[in-house]
Amino acid sequence: MAEKVDRPNVGVMFNLCHWLRVDQSRDCRSLLHRAMPRLWAVSINGADVHDEKPGWDHYIQPLDRGSFDVAGLLKTLDELGYKGPIGLSASASAATPASTWPAPWPHGGKCARRFESGTRIPAAS
């Protein structure tokens, strides 16, 4: 829609959990590359790569959980030159009550360990 409107004040946001729910290809690189001229914000969270069941329990998890490679997504954004904000989408559910969530990222979890091993977090502009 942003391309059709073609106005400088209209952009798009990449929301990881929504993308996982609707795009079965799992090719975020080509989608993000196409969106880059209008990509204003990105929202990440821990997530599983695929879930047949309705609902969001497997698509919105604590950042250090799930089978989706969030660190790989951030690396892709960096390689594409993304400099905008990255937000953390967090939602407690019956499957992951807030009391079980780890300390805030980047202080713990598998995603933080990936960055500590050399993957650079894109800097805000």
PDB file of N, CA and C in Angstrom:
ATOM      1  N   MET A   1       0.822  -1.166   0.000  1.00  0.00           N
ATOM      2  CA  MET A   1       0.000   0.000   0.000  1.00  0.00           C
ATOM      3  C   MET A   1       0.884   1.252   0.000  1.00  0.00           C
ATOM      4  N   ALA A   2       1.980   1.235   0.766  1.00  0.00           N
ATOM      5  CA  ALA A   2       2.852   2.407   0.819  1.00  0.00           C
ATOM      6  C   ALA A   2       3.418   2.748  -0.559  1.00  0.00           C
ATOM      7  N   GLU A   3       3.713   1.714  -1.367  1.00  0.00           N
ATOM      8  CA  GLU A   3       4.204   1.973  -2.720  1.00  0.00           C
ATOM      9  C   GLU A   3       3.135   2.638  -3.576  1.00  0.00           C
ATOM     10  N   LYS A   4       1.887   2.192  -3.439  1.00  0.00           N
ATOM     11  CA  LYS A   4       0.805   2.758  -4.238  1.00  0.00           C
ATOM     12  C   LYS A   4       0.502   4.192  -3.829  1.00  0.00           C
ATOM     13  N   VAL A   5       0.553   4.471  -2.531  1.00  0.00           N
ATOM     14  CA  VAL A   5       0.314   5.829  -2.047  1.00  0.00           C
ATOM     15  C   VAL A   5       1.449   6.745  -2.505  1.00  0.00           C
ATOM     16  N   ASP A   6       2.673   6.227  -2.453  1.00  0.00           N
ATOM     17  CA  ASP A   6       3.860   6.936  -2.931  1.00  0.00           C
ATOM     18  C   ASP A   6       3.962   8.355  -2.384  1.00  0.00           C
ATOM     19  N   ARG A   7       3.923   8.448  -1.052  1.00  0.00           N
ATOM     20  CA  ARG A   7       4.100   9.738  -0.382  1.00  0.00           C
ATOM     21  C   ARG A   7       5.270   9.611   0.580  1.00  0.00           C
ATOM     22  N   PRO A   8       6.061  10.653   0.747  1.00  0.00           N
ATOM     23  CA  PRO A   8       7.229  10.559   1.617  1.00  0.00           C
ATOM     24  C   PRO A   8       6.888  10.368   3.098  1.00  0.00           C
ATOM     25  N   ASN A   9       5.653  10.673   3.486  1.00  0.00           N
ATOM     26  CA  ASN A   9       5.273  10.523   4.888  1.00  0.00           C
ATOM     27  C   ASN A   9       4.521   9.215   5.164  1.00  0.00           C
ATOM     28  N   VAL A  10       4.584   8.253   4.236  1.00  0.00           N
ATOM     29  CA  VAL A  10       3.943   6.946   4.435  1.00  0.00           C
ATOM     30  C   VAL A  10       5.026   5.878   4.364  1.00  0.00           C
ATOM     31  N   GLY A  11       5.139   5.098   5.450  1.00  0.00           N
ATOM     32  CA  GLY A  11       6.136   4.043   5.506  1.00  0.00           C
ATOM     33  C   GLY A  11       5.509   2.736   5.964  1.00  0.00           C
ATOM     34  N   VAL A  12       6.384   1.753   6.188  1.00  0.00           N
ATOM     35  CA  VAL A  12       5.922   0.437   6.623  1.00  0.00           C
ATOM     36  C   VAL A  12       6.702  -0.004   7.848  1.00  0.00           C
ATOM     37  N   MET A  13       6.113  -0.963   8.567  1.00  0.00           N
ATOM     38  CA  MET A  13       6.752  -1.584   9.722  1.00  0.00           C
ATOM     39  C   MET A  13       6.794  -3.077   9.492  1.00  0.00           C
ATOM     40  N   PHE A  14       7.920  -3.699   9.799  1.00  0.00           N
ATOM     41  CA  PHE A  14       8.035  -5.153   9.748  1.00  0.00           C
ATOM     42  C   PHE A  14       7.811  -5.680  11.157  1.00  0.00           C
ATOM     43  N   ASN A  15       6.752  -6.448  11.324  1.00  0.00           N
ATOM     44  CA  ASN A  15       6.421  -7.059  12.608  1.00  0.00           C
ATOM     45  C   ASN A  15       6.662  -8.557  12.474  1.00  0.00           C
ATOM     46  N   LEU A  16       7.671  -9.075  13.155  1.00  0.00           N
ATOM     47  CA  LEU A  16       8.086 -10.467  12.995  1.00  0.00           C
ATOM     48  C   LEU A  16       6.944 -11.452  13.201  1.00  0.00           C
ATOM     49  N   CYS A  17       6.201 -11.329  14.281  1.00  0.00           N
ATOM     50  CA  CYS A  17       5.162 -12.324  14.552  1.00  0.00           C
ATOM     51  C   CYS A  17       4.057 -12.306  13.500  1.00  0.00           C
ATOM     52  N   HIS A  18       3.701 -11.151  12.996  1.00  0.00           N
ATOM     53  CA  HIS A  18       2.673 -11.083  11.954  1.00  0.00           C
ATOM     54  C   HIS A  18       3.191 -11.663  10.648  1.00  0.00           C
ATOM     55  N   TRP A  19       4.448 -11.371  10.313  1.00  0.00           N
ATOM     56  CA  TRP A  19       5.040 -11.925   9.096  1.00  0.00           C
ATOM     57  C   TRP A  19       5.083 -13.448   9.172  1.00  0.00           C
ATOM     58  N   LEU A  20       5.492 -13.996  10.319  1.00  0.00           N
ATOM     59  CA  LEU A  20       5.537 -15.455  10.460  1.00  0.00           C
ATOM     60  C   LEU A  20       4.149 -16.073  10.304  1.00  0.00           C
ATOM     61  N   ARG A  21       3.137 -15.381  10.778  1.00  0.00           N
ATOM     62  CA  ARG A  21       1.771 -15.904  10.701  1.00  0.00           C
ATOM     63  C   ARG A  21       1.263 -15.961   9.258  1.00  0.00           C
ATOM     64  N   VAL A  22       1.630 -15.009   8.418  1.00  0.00           N
ATOM     65  CA  VAL A  22       1.014 -14.923   7.084  1.00  0.00           C
ATOM     66  C   VAL A  22       1.903 -15.337   5.920  1.00  0.00           C
ATOM     67  N   ASP A  23       3.217 -15.323   6.080  1.00  0.00           N
ATOM     68  CA  ASP A  23       4.110 -15.608   4.946  1.00  0.00           C
ATOM     69  C   ASP A  23       4.806 -16.949   5.154  1.00  0.00           C
ATOM     70  N   GLN A  24       4.359 -17.952   4.452  1.00  0.00           N
ATOM     71  CA  GLN A  24       4.915 -19.294   4.610  1.00  0.00           C
ATOM     72  C   GLN A  24       6.286 -19.463   3.951  1.00  0.00           C
ATOM     73  N   SER A  25       6.713 -18.524   3.123  1.00  0.00           N
ATOM     74  CA  SER A  25       7.983 -18.671   2.409  1.00  0.00           C
ATOM     75  C   SER A  25       9.179 -18.577   3.346  1.00  0.00           C
ATOM     76  N   ARG A  26       9.065 -17.818   4.415  1.00  0.00           N
ATOM     77  CA  ARG A  26      10.133 -17.596   5.386  1.00  0.00           C
ATOM     78  C   ARG A  26      11.356 -16.921   4.766  1.00  0.00           C
ATOM     79  N   ASP A  27      11.143 -16.219   3.650  1.00  0.00           N
ATOM     80  CA  ASP A  27      12.216 -15.480   2.992  1.00  0.00           C
ATOM     81  C   ASP A  27      12.089 -14.004   3.345  1.00  0.00           C
ATOM     82  N   CYS A  28      12.574 -13.637   4.530  1.00  0.00           N
ATOM     83  CA  CYS A  28      12.428 -12.238   4.943  1.00  0.00           C
ATOM     84  C   CYS A  28      13.414 -11.330   4.225  1.00  0.00           C
ATOM     85  N   ARG A  29      14.536 -11.853   3.748  1.00  0.00           N
ATOM     86  CA  ARG A  29      15.537 -11.007   3.095  1.00  0.00           C
ATOM     87  C   ARG A  29      14.945 -10.283   1.884  1.00  0.00           C
ATOM     88  N   SER A  30      14.285 -11.006   0.991  1.00  0.00           N
ATOM     89  CA  SER A  30      13.747 -10.350  -0.208  1.00  0.00           C
ATOM     90  C   SER A  30      12.634  -9.372   0.155  1.00  0.00           C
ATOM     91  N   LEU A  31      11.809  -9.715   1.123  1.00  0.00           N
ATOM     92  CA  LEU A  31      10.750  -8.808   1.560  1.00  0.00           C
ATOM     93  C   LEU A  31      11.342  -7.534   2.168  1.00  0.00           C
ATOM     94  N   LEU A  32      12.316  -7.695   3.056  1.00  0.00           N
ATOM     95  CA  LEU A  32      12.934  -6.530   3.686  1.00  0.00           C
ATOM     96  C   LEU A  32      13.692  -5.681   2.676  1.00  0.00           C
ATOM     97  N   HIS A  33      14.355  -6.324   1.735  1.00  0.00           N
ATOM     98  CA  HIS A  33      15.070  -5.583   0.688  1.00  0.00           C
ATOM     99  C   HIS A  33      14.093  -4.696  -0.091  1.00  0.00           C
ATOM    100  N   ARG A  34      12.963  -5.271  -0.439  1.00  0.00           N
ATOM    101  CA  ARG A  34      11.943  -4.508  -1.174  1.00  0.00           C
ATOM    102  C   ARG A  34      11.372  -3.377  -0.314  1.00  0.00           C
ATOM    103  N   ALA A  35      11.244  -3.620   0.996  1.00  0.00           N
ATOM    104  CA  ALA A  35      10.652  -2.630   1.896  1.00  0.00           C
ATOM    105  C   ALA A  35      11.626  -1.528   2.310  1.00  0.00           C
ATOM    106  N   MET A  36      12.930  -1.753   2.152  1.00  0.00           N
ATOM    107  CA  MET A  36      13.933  -0.832   2.691  1.00  0.00           C
ATOM    108  C   MET A  36      13.676   0.656   2.412  1.00  0.00           C
ATOM    109  N   PRO A  37      13.293   1.056   1.213  1.00  0.00           N
ATOM    110  CA  PRO A  37      13.085   2.500   0.997  1.00  0.00           C
ATOM    111  C   PRO A  37      11.996   3.104   1.888  1.00  0.00           C
ATOM    112  N   ARG A  38      11.089   2.263   2.379  1.00  0.00           N
ATOM    113  CA  ARG A  38       9.971   2.756   3.189  1.00  0.00           C
ATOM    114  C   ARG A  38       9.911   2.117   4.575  1.00  0.00           C
ATOM    115  N   LEU A  39      10.925   1.337   4.943  1.00  0.00           N
ATOM    116  CA  LEU A  39      10.921   0.629   6.230  1.00  0.00           C
ATOM    117  C   LEU A  39      11.271   1.591   7.351  1.00  0.00           C
ATOM    118  N   TRP A  40      10.293   1.890   8.203  1.00  0.00           N
ATOM    119  CA  TRP A  40      10.473   2.866   9.260  1.00  0.00           C
ATOM    120  C   TRP A  40      10.719   2.233  10.619  1.00  0.00           C
ATOM    121  N   ALA A  41      10.250   0.987  10.829  1.00  0.00           N
ATOM    122  CA  ALA A  41      10.400   0.354  12.141  1.00  0.00           C
ATOM    123  C   ALA A  41      10.309  -1.160  11.994  1.00  0.00           C
ATOM    124  N   VAL A  42      10.917  -1.853  12.965  1.00  0.00           N
ATOM    125  CA  VAL A  42      10.903  -3.316  13.008  1.00  0.00           C
ATOM    126  C   VAL A  42      10.548  -3.737  14.430  1.00  0.00           C
ATOM    127  N   SER A  43       9.719  -4.749  14.552  1.00  0.00           N
ATOM    128  CA  SER A  43       9.349  -5.300  15.847  1.00  0.00           C
ATOM    129  C   SER A  43       9.772  -6.765  15.881  1.00  0.00           C
ATOM    130  N   ILE A  44      10.534  -7.144  16.917  1.00  0.00           N
ATOM    131  CA  ILE A  44      11.011  -8.515  17.040  1.00  0.00           C
ATOM    132  C   ILE A  44      10.516  -9.144  18.341  1.00  0.00           C
ATOM    133  N   ASN A  45      10.650 -10.445  18.413  1.00  0.00           N
ATOM    134  CA  ASN A  45      10.324 -11.216  19.606  1.00  0.00           C
ATOM    135  C   ASN A  45      10.806 -12.640  19.364  1.00  0.00           C
ATOM    136  N   GLY A  46      10.874 -13.431  20.411  1.00  0.00           N
ATOM    137  CA  GLY A  46      11.150 -14.847  20.234  1.00  0.00           C
ATOM    138  C   GLY A  46       9.952 -15.479  19.540  1.00  0.00           C
ATOM    139  N   ALA A  47      10.188 -16.486  18.704  1.00  0.00           N
ATOM    140  CA  ALA A  47       9.089 -17.115  17.970  1.00  0.00           C
ATOM    141  C   ALA A  47       9.531 -18.473  17.430  1.00  0.00           C
ATOM    142  N   ASP A  48       8.565 -19.336  17.214  1.00  0.00           N
ATOM    143  CA  ASP A  48       8.824 -20.573  16.500  1.00  0.00           C
ATOM    144  C   ASP A  48       8.688 -20.308  15.010  1.00  0.00           C
ATOM    145  N   VAL A  49       9.403 -21.086  14.208  1.00  0.00           N
ATOM    146  CA  VAL A  49       9.375 -20.904  12.762  1.00  0.00           C
ATOM    147  C   VAL A  49       7.990 -21.165  12.193  1.00  0.00           C
ATOM    148  N   HIS A  50       7.270 -22.144  12.740  1.00  0.00           N
ATOM    149  CA  HIS A  50       5.962 -22.503  12.187  1.00  0.00           C
ATOM    150  C   HIS A  50       5.052 -23.021  13.289  1.00  0.00           C
ATOM    151  N   ASP A  51       3.772 -22.725  13.188  1.00  0.00           N
ATOM    152  CA  ASP A  51       2.772 -23.222  14.122  1.00  0.00           C
ATOM    153  C   ASP A  51       1.462 -23.401  13.379  1.00  0.00           C
ATOM    154  N   GLU A  52       0.954 -24.612  13.354  1.00  0.00           N
ATOM    155  CA  GLU A  52      -0.312 -24.912  12.663  1.00  0.00           C
ATOM    156  C   GLU A  52      -1.529 -24.419  13.439  1.00  0.00           C
ATOM    157  N   LYS A  53      -1.390 -24.278  14.754  1.00  0.00           N
ATOM    158  CA  LYS A  53      -2.533 -23.930  15.590  1.00  0.00           C
ATOM    159  C   LYS A  53      -2.860 -22.438  15.501  1.00  0.00           C
ATOM    160  N   PRO A  54      -4.145 -22.096  15.682  1.00  0.00           N
ATOM    161  CA  PRO A  54      -4.491 -20.673  15.743  1.00  0.00           C
ATOM    162  C   PRO A  54      -3.934 -20.059  17.028  1.00  0.00           C
ATOM    163  N   GLY A  55      -3.854 -18.773  17.049  1.00  0.00           N
ATOM    164  CA  GLY A  55      -3.337 -18.097  18.232  1.00  0.00           C
ATOM    165  C   GLY A  55      -1.898 -17.664  18.038  1.00  0.00           C
ATOM    166  N   TRP A  56      -1.359 -17.094  19.099  1.00  0.00           N
ATOM    167  CA  TRP A  56      -0.052 -16.452  18.995  1.00  0.00           C
ATOM    168  C   TRP A  56       1.001 -17.021  19.927  1.00  0.00           C
ATOM    169  N   ASP A  57       0.677 -18.046  20.710  1.00  0.00           N
ATOM    170  CA  ASP A  57       1.611 -18.561  21.716  1.00  0.00           C
ATOM    171  C   ASP A  57       2.970 -18.956  21.152  1.00  0.00           C
ATOM    172  N   HIS A  58       3.019 -19.453  19.915  1.00  0.00           N
ATOM    173  CA  HIS A  58       4.293 -19.866  19.329  1.00  0.00           C
ATOM    174  C   HIS A  58       4.949 -18.755  18.510  1.00  0.00           C
ATOM    175  N   TYR A  59       4.197 -17.703  18.207  1.00  0.00           N
ATOM    176  CA  TYR A  59       4.731 -16.602  17.414  1.00  0.00           C
ATOM    177  C   TYR A  59       5.124 -15.390  18.247  1.00  0.00           C
ATOM    178  N   ILE A  60       4.679 -15.332  19.497  1.00  0.00           N
ATOM    179  CA  ILE A  60       5.096 -14.261  20.401  1.00  0.00           C
ATOM    180  C   ILE A  60       5.588 -14.918  21.680  1.00  0.00           C
ATOM    181  N   GLN A  61       6.907 -14.997  21.797  1.00  0.00           N
ATOM    182  CA  GLN A  61       7.544 -15.618  22.950  1.00  0.00           C
ATOM    183  C   GLN A  61       8.628 -14.685  23.480  1.00  0.00           C
ATOM    184  N   PRO A  62       9.158 -14.995  24.667  1.00  0.00           N
ATOM    185  CA  PRO A  62      10.318 -14.231  25.135  1.00  0.00           C
ATOM    186  C   PRO A  62      11.441 -14.310  24.099  1.00  0.00           C
ATOM    187  N   LEU A  63      12.248 -13.298  24.041  1.00  0.00           N
ATOM    188  CA  LEU A  63      13.253 -13.176  22.991  1.00  0.00           C
ATOM    189  C   LEU A  63      14.227 -14.347  22.939  1.00  0.00           C
ATOM    190  N   ASP A  64      14.489 -14.982  24.068  1.00  0.00           N
ATOM    191  CA  ASP A  64      15.456 -16.079  24.064  1.00  0.00           C
ATOM    192  C   ASP A  64      14.813 -17.447  23.824  1.00  0.00           C
ATOM    193  N   ARG A  65      13.566 -17.457  23.399  1.00  0.00           N
ATOM    194  CA  ARG A  65      12.872 -18.726  23.146  1.00  0.00           C
ATOM    195  C   ARG A  65      12.425 -18.807  21.700  1.00  0.00           C
ATOM    196  N   GLY A  66      12.103 -20.018  21.272  1.00  0.00           N
ATOM    197  CA  GLY A  66      11.582 -20.226  19.926  1.00  0.00           C
ATOM    198  C   GLY A  66      12.656 -20.679  18.965  1.00  0.00           C
ATOM    199  N   SER A  67      12.202 -21.240  17.854  1.00  0.00           N
ATOM    200  CA  SER A  67      13.125 -21.806  16.859  1.00  0.00           C
ATOM    201  C   SER A  67      13.490 -20.823  15.746  1.00  0.00           C
ATOM    202  N   PHE A  68      12.828 -19.660  15.679  1.00  0.00           N
ATOM    203  CA  PHE A  68      13.173 -18.685  14.656  1.00  0.00           C
ATOM    204  C   PHE A  68      14.482 -17.991  15.022  1.00  0.00           C
ATOM    205  N   ASP A  69      15.345 -17.773  14.041  1.00  0.00           N
ATOM    206  CA  ASP A  69      16.656 -17.164  14.235  1.00  0.00           C
ATOM    207  C   ASP A  69      16.538 -15.635  14.233  1.00  0.00           C
ATOM    208  N   VAL A  70      16.214 -15.071  15.397  1.00  0.00           N
ATOM    209  CA  VAL A  70      16.050 -13.620  15.519  1.00  0.00           C
ATOM    210  C   VAL A  70      17.377 -12.903  15.266  1.00  0.00           C
ATOM    211  N   ALA A  71      18.464 -13.457  15.766  1.00  0.00           N
ATOM    212  CA  ALA A  71      19.773 -12.844  15.532  1.00  0.00           C
ATOM    213  C   ALA A  71      20.079 -12.805  14.029  1.00  0.00           C
ATOM    214  N   GLY A  72      19.682 -13.840  13.304  1.00  0.00           N
ATOM    215  CA  GLY A  72      19.864 -13.859  11.853  1.00  0.00           C
ATOM    216  C   GLY A  72      19.051 -12.763  11.173  1.00  0.00           C
ATOM    217  N   LEU A  73      17.841 -12.528  11.664  1.00  0.00           N
ATOM    218  CA  LEU A  73      17.012 -11.436  11.132  1.00  0.00           C
ATOM    219  C   LEU A  73      17.701 -10.094  11.359  1.00  0.00           C
ATOM    220  N   LEU A  74      18.228  -9.880  12.549  1.00  0.00           N
ATOM    221  CA  LEU A  74      18.919  -8.621  12.840  1.00  0.00           C
ATOM    222  C   LEU A  74      20.173  -8.476  11.984  1.00  0.00           C
ATOM    223  N   LYS A  75      20.865  -9.555  11.745  1.00  0.00           N
ATOM    224  CA  LYS A  75      22.034  -9.519  10.872  1.00  0.00           C
ATOM    225  C   LYS A  75      21.621  -9.138   9.448  1.00  0.00           C
ATOM    226  N   THR A  76      20.510  -9.709   8.982  1.00  0.00           N
ATOM    227  CA  THR A  76      19.993  -9.366   7.650  1.00  0.00           C
ATOM    228  C   THR A  76      19.670  -7.880   7.565  1.00  0.00           C
ATOM    229  N   LEU A  77      19.006  -7.347   8.590  1.00  0.00           N
ATOM    230  CA  LEU A  77      18.689  -5.911   8.606  1.00  0.00           C
ATOM    231  C   LEU A  77      19.963  -5.077   8.541  1.00  0.00           C
ATOM    232  N   ASP A  78      20.966  -5.478   9.269  1.00  0.00           N
ATOM    233  CA  ASP A  78      22.238  -4.762   9.251  1.00  0.00           C
ATOM    234  C   ASP A  78      22.876  -4.820   7.868  1.00  0.00           C
ATOM    235  N   GLU A  79      22.886  -6.003   7.257  1.00  0.00           N
ATOM    236  CA  GLU A  79      23.469  -6.162   5.920  1.00  0.00           C
ATOM    237  C   GLU A  79      22.738  -5.323   4.875  1.00  0.00           C
ATOM    238  N   LEU A  80      21.433  -5.147   5.059  1.00  0.00           N
ATOM    239  CA  LEU A  80      20.639  -4.348   4.127  1.00  0.00           C
ATOM    240  C   LEU A  80      20.768  -2.845   4.391  1.00  0.00           C
ATOM    241  N   GLY A  81      21.440  -2.482   5.473  1.00  0.00           N
ATOM    242  CA  GLY A  81      21.647  -1.073   5.775  1.00  0.00           C
ATOM    243  C   GLY A  81      20.537  -0.431   6.587  1.00  0.00           C
ATOM    244  N   TYR A  82      19.688  -1.223   7.232  1.00  0.00           N
ATOM    245  CA  TYR A  82      18.600  -0.661   8.034  1.00  0.00           C
ATOM    246  C   TYR A  82      19.179   0.084   9.236  1.00  0.00           C
ATOM    247  N   LYS A  83      18.713   1.306   9.457  1.00  0.00           N
ATOM    248  CA  LYS A  83      19.208   2.148  10.552  1.00  0.00           C
ATOM    249  C   LYS A  83      18.081   2.617  11.473  1.00  0.00           C
ATOM    250  N   GLY A  84      16.867   2.148  11.261  1.00  0.00           N
ATOM    251  CA  GLY A  84      15.722   2.602  12.041  1.00  0.00           C
ATOM    252  C   GLY A  84      15.567   1.890  13.364  1.00  0.00           C
ATOM    253  N   PRO A  85      14.498   2.214  14.078  1.00  0.00           N
ATOM    254  CA  PRO A  85      14.269   1.621  15.398  1.00  0.00           C
ATOM    255  C   PRO A  85      13.869   0.144  15.308  1.00  0.00           C
ATOM    256  N   ILE A  86      14.258  -0.587  16.343  1.00  0.00           N
ATOM    257  CA  ILE A  86      13.870  -1.989  16.494  1.00  0.00           C
ATOM    258  C   ILE A  86      13.228  -2.114  17.867  1.00  0.00           C
ATOM    259  N   GLY A  87      11.964  -2.520  17.879  1.00  0.00           N
ATOM    260  CA  GLY A  87      11.234  -2.668  19.132  1.00  0.00           C
ATOM    261  C   GLY A  87      11.068  -4.126  19.500  1.00  0.00           C
ATOM    262  N   LEU A  88      10.883  -4.374  20.787  1.00  0.00           N
ATOM    263  CA  LEU A  88      10.635  -5.712  21.289  1.00  0.00           C
ATOM    264  C   LEU A  88       9.153  -5.871  21.552  1.00  0.00           C
ATOM    265  N   SER A  89       8.545  -6.830  20.869  1.00  0.00           N
ATOM    266  CA  SER A  89       7.135  -7.144  21.097  1.00  0.00           C
ATOM    267  C   SER A  89       7.077  -8.219  22.158  1.00  0.00           C
ATOM    268  N   ALA A  90       6.406  -7.936  23.251  1.00  0.00           N
ATOM    269  CA  ALA A  90       6.332  -8.892  24.354  1.00  0.00           C
ATOM    270  C   ALA A  90       4.898  -8.999  24.829  1.00  0.00           C
ATOM    271  N   SER A  91       4.447 -10.214  25.010  1.00  0.00           N
ATOM    272  CA  SER A  91       3.085 -10.435  25.471  1.00  0.00           C
ATOM    273  C   SER A  91       3.048 -11.702  26.297  1.00  0.00           C
ATOM    274  N   ALA A  92       2.590 -11.599  27.520  1.00  0.00           N
ATOM    275  CA  ALA A  92       2.443 -12.790  28.364  1.00  0.00           C
ATOM    276  C   ALA A  92       1.196 -13.551  27.939  1.00  0.00           C
ATOM    277  N   SER A  93       1.259 -14.869  28.024  1.00  0.00           N
ATOM    278  CA  SER A  93       0.111 -15.708  27.704  1.00  0.00           C
ATOM    279  C   SER A  93       0.107 -16.879  28.670  1.00  0.00           C
ATOM    280  N   ALA A  94      -0.868 -17.745  28.535  1.00  0.00           N
ATOM    281  CA  ALA A  94      -0.913 -18.938  29.379  1.00  0.00           C
ATOM    282  C   ALA A  94       0.335 -19.787  29.165  1.00  0.00           C
ATOM    283  N   ALA A  95       0.848 -19.809  27.920  1.00  0.00           N
ATOM    284  CA  ALA A  95       2.028 -20.621  27.610  1.00  0.00           C
ATOM    285  C   ALA A  95       3.302 -19.987  28.159  1.00  0.00           C
ATOM    286  N   THR A  96       3.361 -18.668  28.195  1.00  0.00           N
ATOM    287  CA  THR A  96       4.564 -17.973  28.675  1.00  0.00           C
ATOM    288  C   THR A  96       4.165 -16.810  29.571  1.00  0.00           C
ATOM    289  N   PRO A  97       3.750 -17.095  30.824  1.00  0.00           N
ATOM    290  CA  PRO A  97       3.393 -16.000  31.719  1.00  0.00           C
ATOM    291  C   PRO A  97       4.591 -15.081  31.967  1.00  0.00           C
ATOM    292  N   ALA A  98       4.317 -13.827  32.214  1.00  0.00           N
ATOM    293  CA  ALA A  98       5.377 -12.830  32.381  1.00  0.00           C
ATOM    294  C   ALA A  98       6.372 -13.233  33.468  1.00  0.00           C
ATOM    295  N   SER A  99       5.923 -13.942  34.491  1.00  0.00           N
ATOM    296  CA  SER A  99       6.816 -14.320  35.583  1.00  0.00           C
ATOM    297  C   SER A  99       7.905 -15.294  35.138  1.00  0.00           C
ATOM    298  N   THR A 100       7.753 -15.922  33.970  1.00  0.00           N
ATOM    299  CA  THR A 100       8.758 -16.873  33.498  1.00  0.00           C
ATOM    300  C   THR A 100       9.718 -16.258  32.497  1.00  0.00           C
ATOM    301  N   TRP A 101       9.519 -14.999  32.147  1.00  0.00           N
ATOM    302  CA  TRP A 101      10.367 -14.366  31.138  1.00  0.00           C
ATOM    303  C   TRP A 101      11.744 -14.107  31.712  1.00  0.00           C
ATOM    304  N   PRO A 102      12.782 -14.201  30.880  1.00  0.00           N
ATOM    305  CA  PRO A 102      14.149 -13.957  31.354  1.00  0.00           C
ATOM    306  C   PRO A 102      14.397 -12.475  31.584  1.00  0.00           C
ATOM    307  N   ALA A 103      15.555 -12.175  32.134  1.00  0.00           N
ATOM    308  CA  ALA A 103      15.952 -10.774  32.313  1.00  0.00           C
ATOM    309  C   ALA A 103      15.924 -10.074  30.967  1.00  0.00           C
ATOM    310  N   PRO A 104      15.671  -8.765  30.937  1.00  0.00           N
ATOM    311  CA  PRO A 104      15.572  -8.052  29.656  1.00  0.00           C
ATOM    312  C   PRO A 104      16.817  -8.246  28.785  1.00  0.00           C
ATOM    313  N   TRP A 105      16.592  -8.410  27.505  1.00  0.00           N
ATOM    314  CA  TRP A 105      17.654  -8.509  26.517  1.00  0.00           C
ATOM    315  C   TRP A 105      18.324  -7.148  26.442  1.00  0.00           C
ATOM    316  N   PRO A 106      19.598  -7.004  26.260  1.00  0.00           N
ATOM    317  CA  PRO A 106      20.578  -8.000  25.849  1.00  0.00           C
ATOM    318  C   PRO A 106      21.328  -8.661  26.998  1.00  0.00           C
ATOM    319  N   HIS A 107      20.795  -8.633  28.196  1.00  0.00           N
ATOM    320  CA  HIS A 107      21.518  -9.163  29.348  1.00  0.00           C
ATOM    321  C   HIS A 107      21.455 -10.676  29.476  1.00  0.00           C
ATOM    322  N   GLY A 108      20.681 -11.347  28.661  1.00  0.00           N
ATOM    323  CA  GLY A 108      20.616 -12.801  28.762  1.00  0.00           C
ATOM    324  C   GLY A 108      19.931 -13.397  27.556  1.00  0.00           C
ATOM    325  N   GLY A 109      20.015 -14.686  27.418  1.00  0.00           N
ATOM    326  CA  GLY A 109      19.317 -15.399  26.359  1.00  0.00           C
ATOM    327  C   GLY A 109      20.180 -15.701  25.156  1.00  0.00           C
ATOM    328  N   LYS A 110      19.659 -16.611  24.322  1.00  0.00           N
ATOM    329  CA  LYS A 110      20.440 -17.077  23.172  1.00  0.00           C
ATOM    330  C   LYS A 110      20.681 -15.975  22.151  1.00  0.00           C
ATOM    331  N   CYS A 111      19.751 -15.051  21.987  1.00  0.00           N
ATOM    332  CA  CYS A 111      19.948 -13.965  21.022  1.00  0.00           C
ATOM    333  C   CYS A 111      21.115 -13.091  21.466  1.00  0.00           C
ATOM    334  N   ALA A 112      21.182 -12.763  22.748  1.00  0.00           N
ATOM    335  CA  ALA A 112      22.285 -11.952  23.255  1.00  0.00           C
ATOM    336  C   ALA A 112      23.613 -12.678  23.080  1.00  0.00           C
ATOM    337  N   ARG A 113      23.633 -13.980  23.314  1.00  0.00           N
ATOM    338  CA  ARG A 113      24.875 -14.734  23.137  1.00  0.00           C
ATOM    339  C   ARG A 113      25.334 -14.685  21.694  1.00  0.00           C
ATOM    340  N   ARG A 114      24.405 -14.694  20.727  1.00  0.00           N
ATOM    341  CA  ARG A 114      24.780 -14.585  19.316  1.00  0.00           C
ATOM    342  C   ARG A 114      25.462 -13.253  19.057  1.00  0.00           C
ATOM    343  N   PHE A 115      24.962 -12.183  19.660  1.00  0.00           N
ATOM    344  CA  PHE A 115      25.567 -10.881  19.454  1.00  0.00           C
ATOM    345  C   PHE A 115      26.923 -10.791  20.139  1.00  0.00           C
ATOM    346  N   GLU A 116      27.034 -11.376  21.318  1.00  0.00           N
ATOM    347  CA  GLU A 116      28.314 -11.369  22.017  1.00  0.00           C
ATOM    348  C   GLU A 116      29.374 -12.084  21.216  1.00  0.00           C
ATOM    349  N   SER A 117      28.954 -13.023  20.340  1.00  0.00           N
ATOM    350  CA  SER A 117      29.919 -13.772  19.560  1.00  0.00           C
ATOM    351  C   SER A 117      30.333 -13.041  18.293  1.00  0.00           C
ATOM    352  N   GLY A 118      29.873 -11.809  18.102  1.00  0.00           N
ATOM    353  CA  GLY A 118      30.388 -11.034  16.987  1.00  0.00           C
ATOM    354  C   GLY A 118      29.369 -10.423  16.046  1.00  0.00           C
ATOM    355  N   THR A 119      28.089 -10.745  16.169  1.00  0.00           N
ATOM    356  CA  THR A 119      27.094 -10.129  15.306  1.00  0.00           C
ATOM    357  C   THR A 119      26.824  -8.725  15.841  1.00  0.00           C
ATOM    358  N   ARG A 120      26.930  -7.723  14.992  1.00  0.00           N
ATOM    359  CA  ARG A 120      26.763  -6.333  15.394  1.00  0.00           C
ATOM    360  C   ARG A 120      25.291  -5.938  15.359  1.00  0.00           C
ATOM    361  N   ILE A 121      24.841  -5.264  16.397  1.00  0.00           N
ATOM    362  CA  ILE A 121      23.480  -4.732  16.430  1.00  0.00           C
ATOM    363  C   ILE A 121      23.455  -3.442  15.630  1.00  0.00           C
ATOM    364  N   PRO A 122      22.513  -3.307  14.694  1.00  0.00           N
ATOM    365  CA  PRO A 122      22.448  -2.068  13.907  1.00  0.00           C
ATOM    366  C   PRO A 122      22.285  -0.852  14.824  1.00  0.00           C
ATOM    367  N   ALA A 123      23.035   0.172  14.561  1.00  0.00           N
ATOM    368  CA  ALA A 123      22.991   1.390  15.377  1.00  0.00           C
ATOM    369  C   ALA A 123      21.825   2.262  14.949  1.00  0.00           C
ATOM    370  N   ALA A 124      21.244   2.921  15.925  1.00  0.00           N
ATOM    371  CA  ALA A 124      20.170   3.873  15.617  1.00  0.00           C
ATOM    372  C   ALA A 124      20.764   5.108  14.956  1.00  0.00           C
ATOM    373  N   SER A 125      19.988   5.697  14.065  1.00  0.00           N
ATOM    374  CA  SER A 125      20.491   6.908  13.400  1.00  0.00           C
ATOM    375  C   SER A 125      20.023   8.147  14.117  1.00  0.00           C
TER     376      SER A 125
END
